[in-house]
């Protein structure tokens, strides 16, 4: 059986580095990969970027939505958060209040 020597995350980072990094350009390889504009690349959405950049991208995406779409995203995110809490055996304050009221 063949084993992989690198994780998928590291393999993607290595691919992006080999594609986007130019030692003659300004910035280190991570900054250059983060600034990549090849959006048709299959790995574009998975390229290594900082948390700040992810947050800014998310804020931009949300700003482009209609109020109804934003509400649906908020509901979906809240449901996902509740599911994660339930998976870890935690309860939310709202769930505790519901139990106390009943």
PDB file of N, CA and C in Angstrom:
ATOM      1  N   UNK A   1       0.824  -1.176   0.000  1.00  0.00           N
ATOM      2  CA  UNK A   1       0.000   0.000   0.000  1.00  0.00           C
ATOM      3  C   UNK A   1       0.877   1.251   0.000  1.00  0.00           C
ATOM      4  N   UNK A   2       0.517   2.203  -0.837  1.00  0.00           N
ATOM      5  CA  UNK A   2       1.275   3.433  -0.948  1.00  0.00           C
ATOM      6  C   UNK A   2       0.766   4.460   0.064  1.00  0.00           C
ATOM      7  N   UNK A   3       1.676   5.137   0.751  1.00  0.00           N
ATOM      8  CA  UNK A   3       1.278   6.159   1.707  1.00  0.00           C
ATOM      9  C   UNK A   3       1.690   7.529   1.185  1.00  0.00           C
ATOM     10  N   UNK A   4       0.910   8.515   1.547  1.00  0.00           N
ATOM     11  CA  UNK A   4       1.220   9.884   1.152  1.00  0.00           C
ATOM     12  C   UNK A   4       2.215  10.478   2.134  1.00  0.00           C
ATOM     13  N   UNK A   5       3.200  11.194   1.621  1.00  0.00           N
ATOM     14  CA  UNK A   5       4.198  11.778   2.502  1.00  0.00           C
ATOM     15  C   UNK A   5       3.826  13.185   2.950  1.00  0.00           C
ATOM     16  N   UNK A   6       2.864  13.800   2.273  1.00  0.00           N
ATOM     17  CA  UNK A   6       2.432  15.132   2.680  1.00  0.00           C
ATOM     18  C   UNK A   6       0.915  15.163   2.798  1.00  0.00           C
ATOM     19  N   UNK A   7       0.454  16.077   3.627  1.00  0.00           N
ATOM     20  CA  UNK A   7      -0.983  16.237   3.797  1.00  0.00           C
ATOM     21  C   UNK A   7      -1.565  16.950   2.578  1.00  0.00           C
ATOM     22  N   UNK A   8      -2.883  16.818   2.361  1.00  0.00           N
ATOM     23  CA  UNK A   8      -3.502  17.557   1.248  1.00  0.00           C
ATOM     24  C   UNK A   8      -3.275  19.060   1.365  1.00  0.00           C
ATOM     25  N   UNK A   9      -3.348  19.566   2.572  1.00  0.00           N
ATOM     26  CA  UNK A   9      -3.142  21.002   2.788  1.00  0.00           C
ATOM     27  C   UNK A   9      -1.748  21.439   2.352  1.00  0.00           C
ATOM     28  N   UNK A  10      -0.749  20.650   2.728  1.00  0.00           N
ATOM     29  CA  UNK A  10       0.624  20.982   2.355  1.00  0.00           C
ATOM     30  C   UNK A  10       0.840  20.805   0.854  1.00  0.00           C
ATOM     31  N   UNK A  11       0.217  19.789   0.274  1.00  0.00           N
ATOM     32  CA  UNK A  11       0.337  19.577  -1.167  1.00  0.00           C
ATOM     33  C   UNK A  11      -0.249  20.757  -1.946  1.00  0.00           C
ATOM     34  N   UNK A  12      -1.386  21.275  -1.482  1.00  0.00           N
ATOM     35  CA  UNK A  12      -2.001  22.440  -2.132  1.00  0.00           C
ATOM     36  C   UNK A  12      -1.085  23.651  -1.988  1.00  0.00           C
ATOM     37  N   UNK A  13      -0.555  23.864  -0.784  1.00  0.00           N
ATOM     38  CA  UNK A  13       0.348  24.997  -0.566  1.00  0.00           C
ATOM     39  C   UNK A  13       1.574  24.884  -1.468  1.00  0.00           C
ATOM     40  N   UNK A  14       2.125  23.680  -1.591  1.00  0.00           N
ATOM     41  CA  UNK A  14       3.291  23.479  -2.458  1.00  0.00           C
ATOM     42  C   UNK A  14       2.953  23.766  -3.914  1.00  0.00           C
ATOM     43  N   UNK A  15       1.773  23.308  -4.359  1.00  0.00           N
ATOM     44  CA  UNK A  15       1.364  23.571  -5.736  1.00  0.00           C
ATOM     45  C   UNK A  15       1.224  25.078  -5.970  1.00  0.00           C
ATOM     46  N   UNK A  16       0.518  25.755  -5.061  1.00  0.00           N
ATOM     47  CA  UNK A  16       0.311  27.194  -5.207  1.00  0.00           C
ATOM     48  C   UNK A  16       1.644  27.949  -5.196  1.00  0.00           C
ATOM     49  N   UNK A  17       2.537  27.521  -4.328  1.00  0.00           N
ATOM     50  CA  UNK A  17       3.850  28.168  -4.259  1.00  0.00           C
ATOM     51  C   UNK A  17       4.602  27.993  -5.570  1.00  0.00           C
ATOM     52  N   UNK A  18       4.572  26.793  -6.115  1.00  0.00           N
ATOM     53  CA  UNK A  18       5.309  26.550  -7.368  1.00  0.00           C
ATOM     54  C   UNK A  18       4.682  27.307  -8.531  1.00  0.00           C
ATOM     55  N   UNK A  19       3.386  27.578  -8.457  1.00  0.00           N
ATOM     56  CA  UNK A  19       2.688  28.271  -9.535  1.00  0.00           C
ATOM     57  C   UNK A  19       2.819  29.794  -9.415  1.00  0.00           C
ATOM     58  N   UNK A  20       2.636  30.326  -8.217  1.00  0.00           N
ATOM     59  CA  UNK A  20       2.486  31.772  -8.058  1.00  0.00           C
ATOM     60  C   UNK A  20       3.727  32.507  -7.561  1.00  0.00           C
ATOM     61  N   UNK A  21       4.641  31.799  -6.926  1.00  0.00           N
ATOM     62  CA  UNK A  21       5.764  32.495  -6.290  1.00  0.00           C
ATOM     63  C   UNK A  21       6.854  32.852  -7.288  1.00  0.00           C
ATOM     64  N   UNK A  22       7.246  34.119  -7.266  1.00  0.00           N
ATOM     65  CA  UNK A  22       8.359  34.610  -8.071  1.00  0.00           C
ATOM     66  C   UNK A  22       9.284  35.375  -7.139  1.00  0.00           C
ATOM     67  N   UNK A  23      10.492  34.881  -6.964  1.00  0.00           N
ATOM     68  CA  UNK A  23      11.429  35.508  -6.038  1.00  0.00           C
ATOM     69  C   UNK A  23      11.746  36.949  -6.420  1.00  0.00           C
ATOM     70  N   UNK A  24      11.565  37.288  -7.682  1.00  0.00           N
ATOM     71  CA  UNK A  24      11.865  38.646  -8.147  1.00  0.00           C
ATOM     72  C   UNK A  24      10.745  39.632  -7.816  1.00  0.00           C
ATOM     73  N   UNK A  25       9.545  39.124  -7.553  1.00  0.00           N
ATOM     74  CA  UNK A  25       8.408  39.984  -7.211  1.00  0.00           C
ATOM     75  C   UNK A  25       8.432  40.352  -5.733  1.00  0.00           C
ATOM     76  N   UNK A  26       7.677  41.379  -5.394  1.00  0.00           N
ATOM     77  CA  UNK A  26       7.589  41.816  -4.001  1.00  0.00           C
ATOM     78  C   UNK A  26       6.788  40.812  -3.178  1.00  0.00           C
ATOM     79  N   UNK A  27       7.164  40.698  -1.916  1.00  0.00           N
ATOM     80  CA  UNK A  27       6.430  39.838  -0.989  1.00  0.00           C
ATOM     81  C   UNK A  27       6.967  38.419  -0.955  1.00  0.00           C
ATOM     82  N   UNK A  28       6.627  37.723   0.131  1.00  0.00           N
ATOM     83  CA  UNK A  28       7.044  36.328   0.253  1.00  0.00           C
ATOM     84  C   UNK A  28       6.050  35.432  -0.494  1.00  0.00           C
ATOM     85  N   UNK A  29       6.295  34.129  -0.493  1.00  0.00           N
ATOM     86  CA  UNK A  29       5.448  33.228  -1.279  1.00  0.00           C
ATOM     87  C   UNK A  29       4.008  33.231  -0.785  1.00  0.00           C
ATOM     88  N   UNK A  30       3.820  33.333   0.536  1.00  0.00           N
ATOM     89  CA  UNK A  30       2.449  33.337   1.064  1.00  0.00           C
ATOM     90  C   UNK A  30       1.684  34.576   0.604  1.00  0.00           C
ATOM     91  N   UNK A  31       2.329  35.734   0.618  1.00  0.00           N
ATOM     92  CA  UNK A  31       1.682  36.961   0.168  1.00  0.00           C
ATOM     93  C   UNK A  31       1.340  36.876  -1.323  1.00  0.00           C
ATOM     94  N   UNK A  32       2.240  36.303  -2.110  1.00  0.00           N
ATOM     95  CA  UNK A  32       1.989  36.179  -3.544  1.00  0.00           C
ATOM     96  C   UNK A  32       0.869  35.179  -3.829  1.00  0.00           C
ATOM     97  N   UNK A  33       0.846  34.073  -3.100  1.00  0.00           N
ATOM     98  CA  UNK A  33      -0.224  33.085  -3.284  1.00  0.00           C
ATOM     99  C   UNK A  33      -1.565  33.694  -2.871  1.00  0.00           C
ATOM    100  N   UNK A  34      -1.563  34.453  -1.787  1.00  0.00           N
ATOM    101  CA  UNK A  34      -2.788  35.092  -1.326  1.00  0.00           C
ATOM    102  C   UNK A  34      -3.317  36.081  -2.366  1.00  0.00           C
ATOM    103  N   UNK A  35      -2.416  36.711  -3.107  1.00  0.00           N
ATOM    104  CA  UNK A  35      -2.802  37.692  -4.121  1.00  0.00           C
ATOM    105  C   UNK A  35      -3.110  37.040  -5.473  1.00  0.00           C
ATOM    106  N   UNK A  36      -3.085  35.723  -5.542  1.00  0.00           N
ATOM    107  CA  UNK A  36      -3.328  35.001  -6.799  1.00  0.00           C
ATOM    108  C   UNK A  36      -4.662  35.421  -7.408  1.00  0.00           C
ATOM    109  N   UNK A  37      -4.663  35.598  -8.729  1.00  0.00           N
ATOM    110  CA  UNK A  37      -5.883  36.013  -9.436  1.00  0.00           C
ATOM    111  C   UNK A  37      -6.380  34.947 -10.407  1.00  0.00           C
ATOM    112  N   UNK A  38      -5.818  33.755 -10.331  1.00  0.00           N
ATOM    113  CA  UNK A  38      -6.221  32.676 -11.248  1.00  0.00           C
ATOM    114  C   UNK A  38      -7.446  31.982 -10.648  1.00  0.00           C
ATOM    115  N   UNK A  39      -8.584  32.636 -10.754  1.00  0.00           N
ATOM    116  CA  UNK A  39      -9.800  32.148 -10.103  1.00  0.00           C
ATOM    117  C   UNK A  39     -10.371  30.896 -10.752  1.00  0.00           C
ATOM    118  N   UNK A  40      -9.969  30.586 -11.977  1.00  0.00           N
ATOM    119  CA  UNK A  40     -10.469  29.371 -12.631  1.00  0.00           C
ATOM    120  C   UNK A  40      -9.686  28.127 -12.213  1.00  0.00           C
ATOM    121  N   UNK A  41      -8.651  28.293 -11.408  1.00  0.00           N
ATOM    122  CA  UNK A  41      -7.872  27.152 -10.899  1.00  0.00           C
ATOM    123  C   UNK A  41      -8.743  26.346  -9.935  1.00  0.00           C
ATOM    124  N   UNK A  42      -8.690  25.028 -10.048  1.00  0.00           N
ATOM    125  CA  UNK A  42      -9.477  24.163  -9.159  1.00  0.00           C
ATOM    126  C   UNK A  42      -9.085  24.317  -7.689  1.00  0.00           C
ATOM    127  N   UNK A  43      -7.868  24.773  -7.430  1.00  0.00           N
ATOM    128  CA  UNK A  43      -7.393  24.900  -6.050  1.00  0.00           C
ATOM    129  C   UNK A  43      -7.524  26.319  -5.507  1.00  0.00           C
ATOM    130  N   UNK A  44      -8.060  27.231  -6.304  1.00  0.00           N
ATOM    131  CA  UNK A  44      -8.134  28.643  -5.892  1.00  0.00           C
ATOM    132  C   UNK A  44      -8.831  28.802  -4.543  1.00  0.00           C
ATOM    133  N   UNK A  45      -9.952  28.161  -4.354  1.00  0.00           N
ATOM    134  CA  UNK A  45     -10.705  28.287  -3.097  1.00  0.00           C
ATOM    135  C   UNK A  45      -9.991  27.627  -1.919  1.00  0.00           C
ATOM    136  N   UNK A  46      -8.984  26.811  -2.198  1.00  0.00           N
ATOM    137  CA  UNK A  46      -8.292  26.060  -1.142  1.00  0.00           C
ATOM    138  C   UNK A  46      -6.878  26.570  -0.894  1.00  0.00           C
ATOM    139  N   UNK A  47      -6.480  27.628  -1.618  1.00  0.00           N
ATOM    140  CA  UNK A  47      -5.113  28.127  -1.465  1.00  0.00           C
ATOM    141  C   UNK A  47      -4.916  28.677  -0.058  1.00  0.00           C
ATOM    142  N   UNK A  48      -3.692  28.626   0.436  1.00  0.00           N
ATOM    143  CA  UNK A  48      -3.446  29.107   1.800  1.00  0.00           C
ATOM    144  C   UNK A  48      -3.546  30.634   1.859  1.00  0.00           C
ATOM    145  N   UNK A  49      -4.448  31.125   2.701  1.00  0.00           N
ATOM    146  CA  UNK A  49      -4.590  32.560   2.936  1.00  0.00           C
ATOM    147  C   UNK A  49      -4.753  32.789   4.433  1.00  0.00           C
ATOM    148  N   UNK A  50      -4.508  34.020   4.853  1.00  0.00           N
ATOM    149  CA  UNK A  50      -4.577  34.326   6.282  1.00  0.00           C
ATOM    150  C   UNK A  50      -6.025  34.437   6.748  1.00  0.00           C
ATOM    151  N   UNK A  51      -6.206  34.341   8.039  1.00  0.00           N
ATOM    152  CA  UNK A  51      -7.539  34.486   8.623  1.00  0.00           C
ATOM    153  C   UNK A  51      -8.132  35.859   8.342  1.00  0.00           C
ATOM    154  N   UNK A  52      -7.278  36.891   8.336  1.00  0.00           N
ATOM    155  CA  UNK A  52      -7.757  38.245   8.064  1.00  0.00           C
ATOM    156  C   UNK A  52      -8.314  38.328   6.643  1.00  0.00           C
ATOM    157  N   UNK A  53      -7.613  37.738   5.690  1.00  0.00           N
ATOM    158  CA  UNK A  53      -8.071  37.759   4.301  1.00  0.00           C
ATOM    159  C   UNK A  53      -9.368  36.977   4.157  1.00  0.00           C
ATOM    160  N   UNK A  54      -9.472  35.838   4.826  1.00  0.00           N
ATOM    161  CA  UNK A  54     -10.709  35.055   4.786  1.00  0.00           C
ATOM    162  C   UNK A  54     -11.880  35.875   5.320  1.00  0.00           C
ATOM    163  N   UNK A  55     -11.659  36.590   6.431  1.00  0.00           N
ATOM    164  CA  UNK A  55     -12.701  37.411   7.027  1.00  0.00           C
ATOM    165  C   UNK A  55     -13.121  38.534   6.076  1.00  0.00           C
ATOM    166  N   UNK A  56     -12.138  39.189   5.452  1.00  0.00           N
ATOM    167  CA  UNK A  56     -12.456  40.272   4.518  1.00  0.00           C
ATOM    168  C   UNK A  56     -13.214  39.759   3.300  1.00  0.00           C
ATOM    169  N   UNK A  57     -12.818  38.586   2.804  1.00  0.00           N
ATOM    170  CA  UNK A  57     -13.533  37.992   1.671  1.00  0.00           C
ATOM    171  C   UNK A  57     -14.967  37.670   2.061  1.00  0.00           C
ATOM    172  N   UNK A  58     -15.142  37.121   3.244  1.00  0.00           N
ATOM    173  CA  UNK A  58     -16.479  36.761   3.722  1.00  0.00           C
ATOM    174  C   UNK A  58     -17.352  38.009   3.868  1.00  0.00           C
ATOM    175  N   UNK A  59     -16.778  39.073   4.441  1.00  0.00           N
ATOM    176  CA  UNK A  59     -17.523  40.323   4.584  1.00  0.00           C
ATOM    177  C   UNK A  59     -17.934  40.872   3.222  1.00  0.00           C
ATOM    178  N   UNK A  60     -17.027  40.791   2.243  1.00  0.00           N
ATOM    179  CA  UNK A  60     -17.343  41.269   0.894  1.00  0.00           C
ATOM    180  C   UNK A  60     -18.469  40.432   0.285  1.00  0.00           C
ATOM    181  N   UNK A  61     -18.368  39.108   0.428  1.00  0.00           N
ATOM    182  CA  UNK A  61     -19.410  38.225  -0.108  1.00  0.00           C
ATOM    183  C   UNK A  61     -20.771  38.541   0.519  1.00  0.00           C
ATOM    184  N   UNK A  62     -20.787  38.752   1.833  1.00  0.00           N
ATOM    185  CA  UNK A  62     -22.044  39.064   2.522  1.00  0.00           C
ATOM    186  C   UNK A  62     -22.609  40.414   2.080  1.00  0.00           C
ATOM    187  N   UNK A  63     -21.725  41.365   1.799  1.00  0.00           N
ATOM    188  CA  UNK A  63     -22.196  42.689   1.382  1.00  0.00           C
ATOM    189  C   UNK A  63     -22.869  42.653   0.017  1.00  0.00           C
ATOM    190  N   UNK A  64     -22.594  41.623  -0.764  1.00  0.00           N
ATOM    191  CA  UNK A  64     -23.172  41.492  -2.102  1.00  0.00           C
ATOM    192  C   UNK A  64     -24.543  40.805  -2.078  1.00  0.00           C
ATOM    193  N   UNK A  65     -24.948  40.285  -0.923  1.00  0.00           N
ATOM    194  CA  UNK A  65     -26.215  39.569  -0.811  1.00  0.00           C
ATOM    195  C   UNK A  65     -27.371  40.524  -0.525  1.00  0.00           C
ATOM    196  N   UNK A  66     -28.561  40.096  -0.894  1.00  0.00           N
ATOM    197  CA  UNK A  66     -29.769  40.839  -0.536  1.00  0.00           C
ATOM    198  C   UNK A  66     -30.045  40.595   0.947  1.00  0.00           C
ATOM    199  N   UNK A  67     -30.871  41.429   1.579  1.00  0.00           N
ATOM    200  CA  UNK A  67     -31.205  41.198   2.990  1.00  0.00           C
ATOM    201  C   UNK A  67     -31.799  39.806   3.236  1.00  0.00           C
ATOM    202  N   UNK A  68     -32.639  39.321   2.328  1.00  0.00           N
ATOM    203  CA  UNK A  68     -33.214  37.976   2.488  1.00  0.00           C
ATOM    204  C   UNK A  68     -32.137  36.901   2.425  1.00  0.00           C
ATOM    205  N   UNK A  69     -31.192  37.068   1.519  1.00  0.00           N
ATOM    206  CA  UNK A  69     -30.109  36.095   1.403  1.00  0.00           C
ATOM    207  C   UNK A  69     -29.230  36.115   2.651  1.00  0.00           C
ATOM    208  N   UNK A  70     -28.954  37.328   3.166  1.00  0.00           N
ATOM    209  CA  UNK A  70     -28.153  37.444   4.393  1.00  0.00           C
ATOM    210  C   UNK A  70     -28.851  36.752   5.561  1.00  0.00           C
ATOM    211  N   UNK A  71     -30.162  36.915   5.644  1.00  0.00           N
ATOM    212  CA  UNK A  71     -30.918  36.270   6.712  1.00  0.00           C
ATOM    213  C   UNK A  71     -30.808  34.746   6.611  1.00  0.00           C
ATOM    214  N   UNK A  72     -30.907  34.218   5.393  1.00  0.00           N
ATOM    215  CA  UNK A  72     -30.761  32.768   5.197  1.00  0.00           C
ATOM    216  C   UNK A  72     -29.370  32.295   5.610  1.00  0.00           C
ATOM    217  N   UNK A  73     -28.345  33.076   5.291  1.00  0.00           N
ATOM    218  CA  UNK A  73     -26.978  32.717   5.691  1.00  0.00           C
ATOM    219  C   UNK A  73     -26.862  32.713   7.208  1.00  0.00           C
ATOM    220  N   UNK A  74     -27.433  33.717   7.861  1.00  0.00           N
ATOM    221  CA  UNK A  74     -27.390  33.775   9.330  1.00  0.00           C
ATOM    222  C   UNK A  74     -28.095  32.582   9.957  1.00  0.00           C
ATOM    223  N   UNK A  75     -29.236  32.197   9.395  1.00  0.00           N
ATOM    224  CA  UNK A  75     -29.971  31.030   9.900  1.00  0.00           C
ATOM    225  C   UNK A  75     -29.144  29.764   9.712  1.00  0.00           C
ATOM    226  N   UNK A  76     -28.556  29.608   8.518  1.00  0.00           N
ATOM    227  CA  UNK A  76     -27.730  28.441   8.242  1.00  0.00           C
ATOM    228  C   UNK A  76     -26.541  28.377   9.200  1.00  0.00           C
ATOM    229  N   UNK A  77     -25.894  29.520   9.438  1.00  0.00           N
ATOM    230  CA  UNK A  77     -24.751  29.551  10.346  1.00  0.00           C
ATOM    231  C   UNK A  77     -25.161  29.222  11.776  1.00  0.00           C
ATOM    232  N   UNK A  78     -26.299  29.731  12.200  1.00  0.00           N
ATOM    233  CA  UNK A  78     -26.781  29.433  13.557  1.00  0.00           C
ATOM    234  C   UNK A  78     -27.114  27.946  13.691  1.00  0.00           C
ATOM    235  N   UNK A  79     -27.736  27.374  12.669  1.00  0.00           N
ATOM    236  CA  UNK A  79     -28.035  25.934  12.700  1.00  0.00           C
ATOM    237  C   UNK A  79     -26.752  25.111  12.753  1.00  0.00           C
ATOM    238  N   UNK A  80     -25.759  25.522  11.995  1.00  0.00           N
ATOM    239  CA  UNK A  80     -24.479  24.805  12.004  1.00  0.00           C
ATOM    240  C   UNK A  80     -23.819  24.911  13.383  1.00  0.00           C
ATOM    241  N   UNK A  81     -23.891  26.109  13.981  1.00  0.00           N
ATOM    242  CA  UNK A  81     -23.318  26.296  15.315  1.00  0.00           C
ATOM    243  C   UNK A  81     -24.027  25.416  16.342  1.00  0.00           C
ATOM    244  N   UNK A  82     -25.356  25.359  16.261  1.00  0.00           N
ATOM    245  CA  UNK A  82     -26.120  24.508  17.176  1.00  0.00           C
ATOM    246  C   UNK A  82     -25.755  23.033  16.983  1.00  0.00           C
ATOM    247  N   UNK A  83     -25.604  22.612  15.733  1.00  0.00           N
ATOM    248  CA  UNK A  83     -25.228  21.225  15.464  1.00  0.00           C
ATOM    249  C   UNK A  83     -23.864  20.895  16.043  1.00  0.00           C
ATOM    250  N   UNK A  84     -22.923  21.822  15.926  1.00  0.00           N
ATOM    251  CA  UNK A  84     -21.593  21.594  16.487  1.00  0.00           C
ATOM    252  C   UNK A  84     -21.660  21.497  18.009  1.00  0.00           C
ATOM    253  N   UNK A  85     -22.436  22.378  18.621  1.00  0.00           N
ATOM    254  CA  UNK A  85     -22.585  22.316  20.077  1.00  0.00           C
ATOM    255  C   UNK A  85     -23.211  20.994  20.497  1.00  0.00           C
ATOM    256  N   UNK A  86     -24.212  20.555  19.765  1.00  0.00           N
ATOM    257  CA  UNK A  86     -24.880  19.286  20.080  1.00  0.00           C
ATOM    258  C   UNK A  86     -23.931  18.108  19.904  1.00  0.00           C
ATOM    259  N   UNK A  87     -23.088  18.162  18.888  1.00  0.00           N
ATOM    260  CA  UNK A  87     -22.121  17.085  18.671  1.00  0.00           C
ATOM    261  C   UNK A  87     -21.155  16.961  19.834  1.00  0.00           C
ATOM    262  N   UNK A  88     -20.848  18.095  20.449  1.00  0.00           N
ATOM    263  CA  UNK A  88     -19.901  18.098  21.549  1.00  0.00           C
ATOM    264  C   UNK A  88     -20.584  18.025  22.907  1.00  0.00           C
ATOM    265  N   UNK A  89     -21.899  17.774  22.899  1.00  0.00           N
ATOM    266  CA  UNK A  89     -22.619  17.589  24.150  1.00  0.00           C
ATOM    267  C   UNK A  89     -22.824  18.850  24.954  1.00  0.00           C
ATOM    268  N   UNK A  90     -22.754  19.987  24.294  1.00  0.00           N
ATOM    269  CA  UNK A  90     -22.950  21.251  25.000  1.00  0.00           C
ATOM    270  C   UNK A  90     -24.341  21.781  24.705  1.00  0.00           C
ATOM    271  N   UNK A  91     -24.823  22.572  25.621  1.00  0.00           N
ATOM    272  CA  UNK A  91     -26.123  23.210  25.405  1.00  0.00           C
ATOM    273  C   UNK A  91     -25.919  24.712  25.330  1.00  0.00           C
ATOM    274  N   UNK A  92     -26.818  25.364  24.683  1.00  0.00           N
ATOM    275  CA  UNK A  92     -26.750  26.824  24.592  1.00  0.00           C
ATOM    276  C   UNK A  92     -27.623  27.434  25.679  1.00  0.00           C
ATOM    277  N   UNK A  93     -27.436  28.704  25.914  1.00  0.00           N
ATOM    278  CA  UNK A  93     -28.260  29.405  26.899  1.00  0.00           C
ATOM    279  C   UNK A  93     -29.713  29.342  26.510  1.00  0.00           C
ATOM    280  N   UNK A  94     -30.007  29.449  25.212  1.00  0.00           N
ATOM    281  CA  UNK A  94     -31.395  29.389  24.749  1.00  0.00           C
ATOM    282  C   UNK A  94     -32.011  28.021  25.055  1.00  0.00           C
ATOM    283  N   UNK A  95     -31.237  26.963  24.893  1.00  0.00           N
ATOM    284  CA  UNK A  95     -31.758  25.628  25.178  1.00  0.00           C
ATOM    285  C   UNK A  95     -32.015  25.472  26.664  1.00  0.00           C
ATOM    286  N   UNK A  96     -31.140  26.019  27.486  1.00  0.00           N
ATOM    287  CA  UNK A  96     -31.334  25.955  28.937  1.00  0.00           C
ATOM    288  C   UNK A  96     -32.584  26.736  29.327  1.00  0.00           C
ATOM    289  N   UNK A  97     -32.782  27.916  28.712  1.00  0.00           N
ATOM    290  CA  UNK A  97     -33.986  28.706  29.004  1.00  0.00           C
ATOM    291  C   UNK A  97     -35.248  27.949  28.616  1.00  0.00           C
ATOM    292  N   UNK A  98     -35.230  27.279  27.466  1.00  0.00           N
ATOM    293  CA  UNK A  98     -36.397  26.510  27.015  1.00  0.00           C
ATOM    294  C   UNK A  98     -36.732  25.414  28.018  1.00  0.00           C
ATOM    295  N   UNK A  99     -35.735  24.758  28.536  1.00  0.00           N
ATOM    296  CA  UNK A  99     -35.966  23.693  29.505  1.00  0.00           C
ATOM    297  C   UNK A  99     -36.525  24.286  30.795  1.00  0.00           C
ATOM    298  N   UNK A 100     -35.982  25.434  31.209  1.00  0.00           N
ATOM    299  CA  UNK A 100     -36.437  26.076  32.442  1.00  0.00           C
ATOM    300  C   UNK A 100     -37.888  26.551  32.321  1.00  0.00           C
ATOM    301  N   UNK A 101     -38.293  26.975  31.123  1.00  0.00           N
ATOM    302  CA  UNK A 101     -39.639  27.474  30.929  1.00  0.00           C
ATOM    303  C   UNK A 101     -40.665  26.341  30.878  1.00  0.00           C
ATOM    304  N   UNK A 102     -40.270  25.152  30.470  1.00  0.00           N
ATOM    305  CA  UNK A 102     -41.205  24.043  30.316  1.00  0.00           C
ATOM    306  C   UNK A 102     -41.360  23.255  31.559  1.00  0.00           C
TER     307      UNK A 102
END
